[in-house]
Amino acid sequence: MSDFEKKAVNLKLSLAIDQDLTWGELFRFVELARTSGVEPTDPVPLEYNERDDSILDGIAVYLAAEDLPSAAQPTV
């Protein structure tokens, strides 16, 4: 299991790895990860298929709401 820092109050963002993944989706995922303080040397949490753990389904990042760009902030 990869080591990663789980924020105190956090959101988990997952990106499915499949034939429909676009570069734009990948770029946006990385942008959000960078904004949340992920370092280039941090391991990427991997998500495996629930029925077959030899199949990689996606990658994840834990985000703190305060680290998100203002456009992504929820309104109260």
PDB file of N, CA and C in Angstrom:
ATOM      1  N   MET A   1       0.843  -1.179   0.000  1.00  0.00           N
ATOM      2  CA  MET A   1       0.000   0.000   0.000  1.00  0.00           C
ATOM      3  C   MET A   1       0.881   1.233   0.000  1.00  0.00           C
ATOM      4  N   SER A   2       0.532   2.211  -0.800  1.00  0.00           N
ATOM      5  CA  SER A   2       1.301   3.441  -0.907  1.00  0.00           C
ATOM      6  C   SER A   2       1.118   4.312   0.324  1.00  0.00           C
ATOM      7  N   ASP A   3       2.162   5.068   0.665  1.00  0.00           N
ATOM      8  CA  ASP A   3       2.056   6.047   1.745  1.00  0.00           C
ATOM      9  C   ASP A   3       1.560   7.354   1.164  1.00  0.00           C
ATOM     10  N   PHE A   4       0.621   7.970   1.846  1.00  0.00           N
ATOM     11  CA  PHE A   4       0.139   9.281   1.437  1.00  0.00           C
ATOM     12  C   PHE A   4      -0.429   9.968   2.655  1.00  0.00           C
ATOM     13  N   GLU A   5      -0.442  11.289   2.597  1.00  0.00           N
ATOM     14  CA  GLU A   5      -0.954  12.058   3.718  1.00  0.00           C
ATOM     15  C   GLU A   5      -2.437  12.302   3.515  1.00  0.00           C
ATOM     16  N   LYS A   6      -3.218  11.836   4.454  1.00  0.00           N
ATOM     17  CA  LYS A   6      -4.650  12.072   4.410  1.00  0.00           C
ATOM     18  C   LYS A   6      -4.913  13.332   5.216  1.00  0.00           C
ATOM     19  N   LYS A   7      -5.509  14.336   4.601  1.00  0.00           N
ATOM     20  CA  LYS A   7      -5.771  15.607   5.260  1.00  0.00           C
ATOM     21  C   LYS A   7      -6.817  15.420   6.354  1.00  0.00           C
ATOM     22  N   ALA A   8      -6.820  16.301   7.357  1.00  0.00           N
ATOM     23  CA  ALA A   8      -7.753  16.199   8.478  1.00  0.00           C
ATOM     24  C   ALA A   8      -9.198  16.192   7.993  1.00  0.00           C
ATOM     25  N   VAL A   9      -9.595  17.214   7.295  1.00  0.00           N
ATOM     26  CA  VAL A   9     -10.909  17.253   6.662  1.00  0.00           C
ATOM     27  C   VAL A   9     -10.616  17.223   5.177  1.00  0.00           C
ATOM     28  N   ASN A  10     -11.035  16.167   4.515  1.00  0.00           N
ATOM     29  CA  ASN A  10     -10.568  16.030   3.144  1.00  0.00           C
ATOM     30  C   ASN A  10     -11.638  15.503   2.204  1.00  0.00           C
ATOM     31  N   LEU A  11     -11.300  15.601   0.957  1.00  0.00           N
ATOM     32  CA  LEU A  11     -12.081  15.047  -0.137  1.00  0.00           C
ATOM     33  C   LEU A  11     -11.162  14.094  -0.884  1.00  0.00           C
ATOM     34  N   LYS A  12     -11.717  13.009  -1.366  1.00  0.00           N
ATOM     35  CA  LYS A  12     -10.924  12.078  -2.162  1.00  0.00           C
ATOM     36  C   LYS A  12     -11.362  12.244  -3.611  1.00  0.00           C
ATOM     37  N   LEU A  13     -10.400  12.532  -4.466  1.00  0.00           N
ATOM     38  CA  LEU A  13     -10.656  12.665  -5.883  1.00  0.00           C
ATOM     39  C   LEU A  13     -10.029  11.463  -6.576  1.00  0.00           C
ATOM     40  N   SER A  14     -10.843  10.731  -7.327  1.00  0.00           N
ATOM     41  CA  SER A  14     -10.353   9.566  -8.062  1.00  0.00           C
ATOM     42  C   SER A  14     -10.429   9.836  -9.552  1.00  0.00           C
ATOM     43  N   LEU A  15      -9.498   9.275 -10.273  1.00  0.00           N
ATOM     44  CA  LEU A  15      -9.480   9.382 -11.727  1.00  0.00           C
ATOM     45  C   LEU A  15      -9.446   7.969 -12.287  1.00  0.00           C
ATOM     46  N   ALA A  16     -10.482   7.617 -13.036  1.00  0.00           N
ATOM     47  CA  ALA A  16     -10.557   6.285 -13.642  1.00  0.00           C
ATOM     48  C   ALA A  16      -9.511   6.160 -14.747  1.00  0.00           C
ATOM     49  N   ILE A  17      -8.826   5.038 -14.748  1.00  0.00           N
ATOM     50  CA  ILE A  17      -7.845   4.741 -15.790  1.00  0.00           C
ATOM     51  C   ILE A  17      -8.510   3.756 -16.740  1.00  0.00           C
ATOM     52  N   ASP A  18      -8.961   4.262 -17.876  1.00  0.00           N
ATOM     53  CA  ASP A  18      -9.590   3.410 -18.877  1.00  0.00           C
ATOM     54  C   ASP A  18      -9.353   3.994 -20.264  1.00  0.00           C
ATOM     55  N   GLN A  19      -9.923   3.376 -21.274  1.00  0.00           N
ATOM     56  CA  GLN A  19      -9.685   3.795 -22.657  1.00  0.00           C
ATOM     57  C   GLN A  19     -10.289   5.161 -22.975  1.00  0.00           C
ATOM     58  N   ASP A  20     -11.141   5.691 -22.086  1.00  0.00           N
ATOM     59  CA  ASP A  20     -11.761   6.993 -22.327  1.00  0.00           C
ATOM     60  C   ASP A  20     -11.025   8.151 -21.657  1.00  0.00           C
ATOM     61  N   LEU A  21      -9.952   7.866 -20.916  1.00  0.00           N
ATOM     62  CA  LEU A  21      -9.186   8.905 -20.241  1.00  0.00           C
ATOM     63  C   LEU A  21      -8.557   9.838 -21.268  1.00  0.00           C
ATOM     64  N   THR A  22      -8.729  11.145 -21.056  1.00  0.00           N
ATOM     65  CA  THR A  22      -8.128  12.132 -21.955  1.00  0.00           C
ATOM     66  C   THR A  22      -6.952  12.815 -21.269  1.00  0.00           C
ATOM     67  N   TRP A  23      -6.094  13.414 -22.068  1.00  0.00           N
ATOM     68  CA  TRP A  23      -4.970  14.176 -21.521  1.00  0.00           C
ATOM     69  C   TRP A  23      -5.493  15.334 -20.676  1.00  0.00           C
ATOM     70  N   GLY A  24      -6.573  15.951 -21.117  1.00  0.00           N
ATOM     71  CA  GLY A  24      -7.148  17.064 -20.368  1.00  0.00           C
ATOM     72  C   GLY A  24      -7.578  16.641 -18.973  1.00  0.00           C
ATOM     73  N   GLU A  25      -8.204  15.473 -18.851  1.00  0.00           N
ATOM     74  CA  GLU A  25      -8.610  14.968 -17.541  1.00  0.00           C
ATOM     75  C   GLU A  25      -7.388  14.694 -16.664  1.00  0.00           C
ATOM     76  N   LEU A  26      -6.368  14.128 -17.272  1.00  0.00           N
ATOM     77  CA  LEU A  26      -5.145  13.842 -16.533  1.00  0.00           C
ATOM     78  C   LEU A  26      -4.464  15.135 -16.087  1.00  0.00           C
ATOM     79  N   PHE A  27      -4.389  16.118 -16.971  1.00  0.00           N
ATOM     80  CA  PHE A  27      -3.792  17.420 -16.633  1.00  0.00           C
ATOM     81  C   PHE A  27      -4.545  18.073 -15.478  1.00  0.00           C
ATOM     82  N   ARG A  28      -5.880  18.048 -15.521  1.00  0.00           N
ATOM     83  CA  ARG A  28      -6.696  18.662 -14.469  1.00  0.00           C
ATOM     84  C   ARG A  28      -6.488  17.935 -13.142  1.00  0.00           C
ATOM     85  N   PHE A  29      -6.419  16.623 -13.170  1.00  0.00           N
ATOM     86  CA  PHE A  29      -6.171  15.833 -11.970  1.00  0.00           C
ATOM     87  C   PHE A  29      -4.832  16.228 -11.342  1.00  0.00           C
ATOM     88  N   VAL A  30      -3.796  16.320 -12.158  1.00  0.00           N
ATOM     89  CA  VAL A  30      -2.465  16.685 -11.670  1.00  0.00           C
ATOM     90  C   VAL A  30      -2.480  18.113 -11.135  1.00  0.00           C
ATOM     91  N   GLU A  31      -3.173  19.013 -11.810  1.00  0.00           N
ATOM     92  CA  GLU A  31      -3.275  20.402 -11.349  1.00  0.00           C
ATOM     93  C   GLU A  31      -3.907  20.464  -9.955  1.00  0.00           C
ATOM     94  N   LEU A  32      -4.988  19.713  -9.734  1.00  0.00           N
ATOM     95  CA  LEU A  32      -5.627  19.691  -8.427  1.00  0.00           C
ATOM     96  C   LEU A  32      -4.712  19.067  -7.370  1.00  0.00           C
ATOM     97  N   ALA A  33      -3.987  18.037  -7.748  1.00  0.00           N
ATOM     98  CA  ALA A  33      -3.047  17.413  -6.816  1.00  0.00           C
ATOM     99  C   ALA A  33      -1.953  18.405  -6.423  1.00  0.00           C
ATOM    100  N   ARG A  34      -1.398  19.123  -7.383  1.00  0.00           N
ATOM    101  CA  ARG A  34      -0.365  20.122  -7.089  1.00  0.00           C
ATOM    102  C   ARG A  34      -0.906  21.210  -6.174  1.00  0.00           C
ATOM    103  N   THR A  35      -2.115  21.681  -6.444  1.00  0.00           N
ATOM    104  CA  THR A  35      -2.746  22.725  -5.644  1.00  0.00           C
ATOM    105  C   THR A  35      -2.931  22.273  -4.202  1.00  0.00           C
ATOM    106  N   SER A  36      -3.172  20.978  -4.007  1.00  0.00           N
ATOM    107  CA  SER A  36      -3.417  20.465  -2.659  1.00  0.00           C
ATOM    108  C   SER A  36      -2.122  20.181  -1.894  1.00  0.00           C
ATOM    109  N   GLY A  37      -0.987  20.450  -2.497  1.00  0.00           N
ATOM    110  CA  GLY A  37       0.279  20.286  -1.798  1.00  0.00           C
ATOM    111  C   GLY A  37       0.996  18.979  -2.045  1.00  0.00           C
ATOM    112  N   VAL A  38       0.555  18.198  -3.010  1.00  0.00           N
ATOM    113  CA  VAL A  38       1.249  16.954  -3.336  1.00  0.00           C
ATOM    114  C   VAL A  38       2.607  17.293  -3.945  1.00  0.00           C
ATOM    115  N   GLU A  39       3.617  16.609  -3.472  1.00  0.00           N
ATOM    116  CA  GLU A  39       4.980  16.810  -3.971  1.00  0.00           C
ATOM    117  C   GLU A  39       5.265  15.826  -5.106  1.00  0.00           C
ATOM    118  N   PRO A  40       6.149  16.195  -6.038  1.00  0.00           N
ATOM    119  CA  PRO A  40       6.473  15.297  -7.153  1.00  0.00           C
ATOM    120  C   PRO A  40       7.007  13.932  -6.702  1.00  0.00           C
ATOM    121  N   THR A  41       7.582  13.858  -5.526  1.00  0.00           N
ATOM    122  CA  THR A  41       8.134  12.588  -5.037  1.00  0.00           C
ATOM    123  C   THR A  41       7.134  11.768  -4.232  1.00  0.00           C
ATOM    124  N   ASP A  42       5.940  12.311  -3.962  1.00  0.00           N
ATOM    125  CA  ASP A  42       4.917  11.572  -3.216  1.00  0.00           C
ATOM    126  C   ASP A  42       4.392  10.411  -4.056  1.00  0.00           C
ATOM    127  N   PRO A  43       4.138   9.261  -3.417  1.00  0.00           N
ATOM    128  CA  PRO A  43       3.555   8.141  -4.157  1.00  0.00           C
ATOM    129  C   PRO A  43       2.115   8.434  -4.558  1.00  0.00           C
ATOM    130  N   VAL A  44       1.688   7.859  -5.660  1.00  0.00           N
ATOM    131  CA  VAL A  44       0.319   8.019  -6.142  1.00  0.00           C
ATOM    132  C   VAL A  44      -0.520   6.869  -5.595  1.00  0.00           C
ATOM    133  N   PRO A  45      -1.589   7.179  -4.833  1.00  0.00           N
ATOM    134  CA  PRO A  45      -2.460   6.095  -4.358  1.00  0.00           C
ATOM    135  C   PRO A  45      -3.157   5.420  -5.549  1.00  0.00           C
ATOM    136  N   LEU A  46      -3.036   4.113  -5.617  1.00  0.00           N
ATOM    137  CA  LEU A  46      -3.632   3.337  -6.707  1.00  0.00           C
ATOM    138  C   LEU A  46      -4.930   2.703  -6.232  1.00  0.00           C
ATOM    139  N   GLU A  47      -5.901   2.625  -7.125  1.00  0.00           N
ATOM    140  CA  GLU A  47      -7.181   1.989  -6.811  1.00  0.00           C
ATOM    141  C   GLU A  47      -7.360   0.778  -7.712  1.00  0.00           C
ATOM    142  N   TYR A  48      -7.535  -0.369  -7.071  1.00  0.00           N
ATOM    143  CA  TYR A  48      -7.671  -1.617  -7.813  1.00  0.00           C
ATOM    144  C   TYR A  48      -9.125  -2.068  -7.864  1.00  0.00           C
ATOM    145  N   ASN A  49      -9.434  -2.876  -8.834  1.00  0.00           N
ATOM    146  CA  ASN A  49     -10.769  -3.420  -9.032  1.00  0.00           C
ATOM    147  C   ASN A  49     -11.189  -4.218  -7.797  1.00  0.00           C
ATOM    148  N   GLU A  50     -12.441  -4.015  -7.354  1.00  0.00           N
ATOM    149  CA  GLU A  50     -12.930  -4.705  -6.154  1.00  0.00           C
ATOM    150  C   GLU A  50     -12.980  -6.222  -6.331  1.00  0.00           C
ATOM    151  N   ARG A  51     -13.263  -6.684  -7.532  1.00  0.00           N
ATOM    152  CA  ARG A  51     -13.391  -8.126  -7.772  1.00  0.00           C
ATOM    153  C   ARG A  51     -12.079  -8.787  -8.170  1.00  0.00           C
ATOM    154  N   ASP A  52     -11.171  -8.003  -8.743  1.00  0.00           N
ATOM    155  CA  ASP A  52      -9.896  -8.565  -9.200  1.00  0.00           C
ATOM    156  C   ASP A  52      -8.796  -7.555  -8.899  1.00  0.00           C
ATOM    157  N   ASP A  53      -8.073  -7.779  -7.810  1.00  0.00           N
ATOM    158  CA  ASP A  53      -7.080  -6.794  -7.381  1.00  0.00           C
ATOM    159  C   ASP A  53      -5.821  -6.760  -8.250  1.00  0.00           C
ATOM    160  N   SER A  54      -5.826  -7.487  -9.343  1.00  0.00           N
ATOM    161  CA  SER A  54      -4.717  -7.379 -10.293  1.00  0.00           C
ATOM    162  C   SER A  54      -5.030  -6.346 -11.381  1.00  0.00           C
ATOM    163  N   ILE A  55      -6.259  -5.793 -11.349  1.00  0.00           N
ATOM    164  CA  ILE A  55      -6.680  -4.816 -12.354  1.00  0.00           C
ATOM    165  C   ILE A  55      -6.679  -3.421 -11.736  1.00  0.00           C
ATOM    166  N   LEU A  56      -5.889  -2.522 -12.306  1.00  0.00           N
ATOM    167  CA  LEU A  56      -5.835  -1.133 -11.853  1.00  0.00           C
ATOM    168  C   LEU A  56      -7.021  -0.381 -12.434  1.00  0.00           C
ATOM    169  N   ASP A  57      -7.842   0.196 -11.556  1.00  0.00           N
ATOM    170  CA  ASP A  57      -9.012   0.960 -11.997  1.00  0.00           C
ATOM    171  C   ASP A  57      -8.753   2.457 -12.050  1.00  0.00           C
ATOM    172  N   GLY A  58      -7.869   2.955 -11.183  1.00  0.00           N
ATOM    173  CA  GLY A  58      -7.678   4.397 -11.165  1.00  0.00           C
ATOM    174  C   GLY A  58      -6.600   4.834 -10.198  1.00  0.00           C
ATOM    175  N   ILE A  59      -6.495   6.142 -10.079  1.00  0.00           N
ATOM    176  CA  ILE A  59      -5.563   6.774  -9.150  1.00  0.00           C
ATOM    177  C   ILE A  59      -6.357   7.762  -8.313  1.00  0.00           C
ATOM    178  N   ALA A  60      -5.787   8.160  -7.187  1.00  0.00           N
ATOM    179  CA  ALA A  60      -6.522   9.034  -6.276  1.00  0.00           C
ATOM    180  C   ALA A  60      -5.603  10.089  -5.683  1.00  0.00           C
ATOM    181  N   VAL A  61      -6.224  11.141  -5.169  1.00  0.00           N
ATOM    182  CA  VAL A  61      -5.517  12.163  -4.406  1.00  0.00           C
ATOM    183  C   VAL A  61      -6.490  12.656  -3.338  1.00  0.00           C
ATOM    184  N   TYR A  62      -5.952  12.945  -2.160  1.00  0.00           N
ATOM    185  CA  TYR A  62      -6.761  13.498  -1.083  1.00  0.00           C
ATOM    186  C   TYR A  62      -6.562  15.010  -1.081  1.00  0.00           C
ATOM    187  N   LEU A  63      -7.666  15.729  -1.081  1.00  0.00           N
ATOM    188  CA  LEU A  63      -7.636  17.185  -1.157  1.00  0.00           C
ATOM    189  C   LEU A  63      -8.236  17.789   0.101  1.00  0.00           C
ATOM    190  N   ALA A  64      -7.655  18.860   0.578  1.00  0.00           N
ATOM    191  CA  ALA A  64      -8.270  19.651   1.640  1.00  0.00           C
ATOM    192  C   ALA A  64      -9.085  20.733   0.939  1.00  0.00           C
ATOM    193  N   ALA A  65     -10.303  20.954   1.390  1.00  0.00           N
ATOM    194  CA  ALA A  65     -11.193  21.913   0.731  1.00  0.00           C
ATOM    195  C   ALA A  65     -10.543  23.289   0.622  1.00  0.00           C
ATOM    196  N   GLU A  66      -9.795  23.698   1.638  1.00  0.00           N
ATOM    197  CA  GLU A  66      -9.161  25.027   1.599  1.00  0.00           C
ATOM    198  C   GLU A  66      -8.043  25.126   0.563  1.00  0.00           C
ATOM    199  N   ASP A  67      -7.556  23.992   0.070  1.00  0.00           N
ATOM    200  CA  ASP A  67      -6.499  23.995  -0.941  1.00  0.00           C
ATOM    201  C   ASP A  67      -7.031  24.058  -2.364  1.00  0.00           C
ATOM    202  N   LEU A  68      -8.338  23.908  -2.536  1.00  0.00           N
ATOM    203  CA  LEU A  68      -8.918  23.920  -3.881  1.00  0.00           C
ATOM    204  C   LEU A  68      -8.944  25.336  -4.441  1.00  0.00           C
ATOM    205  N   PRO A  69      -8.840  25.465  -5.755  1.00  0.00           N
ATOM    206  CA  PRO A  69      -8.964  26.781  -6.371  1.00  0.00           C
ATOM    207  C   PRO A  69     -10.323  27.393  -6.008  1.00  0.00           C
ATOM    208  N   SER A  70     -10.381  28.697  -5.940  1.00  0.00           N
ATOM    209  CA  SER A  70     -11.607  29.374  -5.485  1.00  0.00           C
ATOM    210  C   SER A  70     -12.835  28.998  -6.329  1.00  0.00           C
ATOM    211  N   ALA A  71     -12.661  28.713  -7.604  1.00  0.00           N
ATOM    212  CA  ALA A  71     -13.788  28.346  -8.455  1.00  0.00           C
ATOM    213  C   ALA A  71     -14.399  27.011  -8.031  1.00  0.00           C
ATOM    214  N   ALA A  72     -13.625  26.179  -7.349  1.00  0.00           N
ATOM    215  CA  ALA A  72     -14.102  24.864  -6.925  1.00  0.00           C
ATOM    216  C   ALA A  72     -14.638  24.878  -5.499  1.00  0.00           C
ATOM    217  N   GLN A  73     -14.536  26.022  -4.813  1.00  0.00           N
ATOM    218  CA  GLN A  73     -14.984  26.116  -3.421  1.00  0.00           C
ATOM    219  C   GLN A  73     -16.512  26.067  -3.367  1.00  0.00           C
ATOM    220  N   PRO A  74     -17.061  25.321  -2.427  1.00  0.00           N
ATOM    221  CA  PRO A  74     -18.525  25.292  -2.285  1.00  0.00           C
ATOM    222  C   PRO A  74     -19.035  26.632  -1.737  1.00  0.00           C
ATOM    223  N   THR A  75     -20.228  26.982  -2.111  1.00  0.00           N
ATOM    224  CA  THR A  75     -20.838  28.194  -1.581  1.00  0.00           C
ATOM    225  C   THR A  75     -21.719  27.821  -0.418  1.00  0.00           C
ATOM    226  N   VAL A  76     -21.748  28.662   0.592  1.00  0.00           N
ATOM    227  CA  VAL A  76     -22.521  28.363   1.798  1.00  0.00           C
ATOM    228  C   VAL A  76     -23.720  29.265   1.891  1.00  0.00           C
TER     229      VAL A  76
END
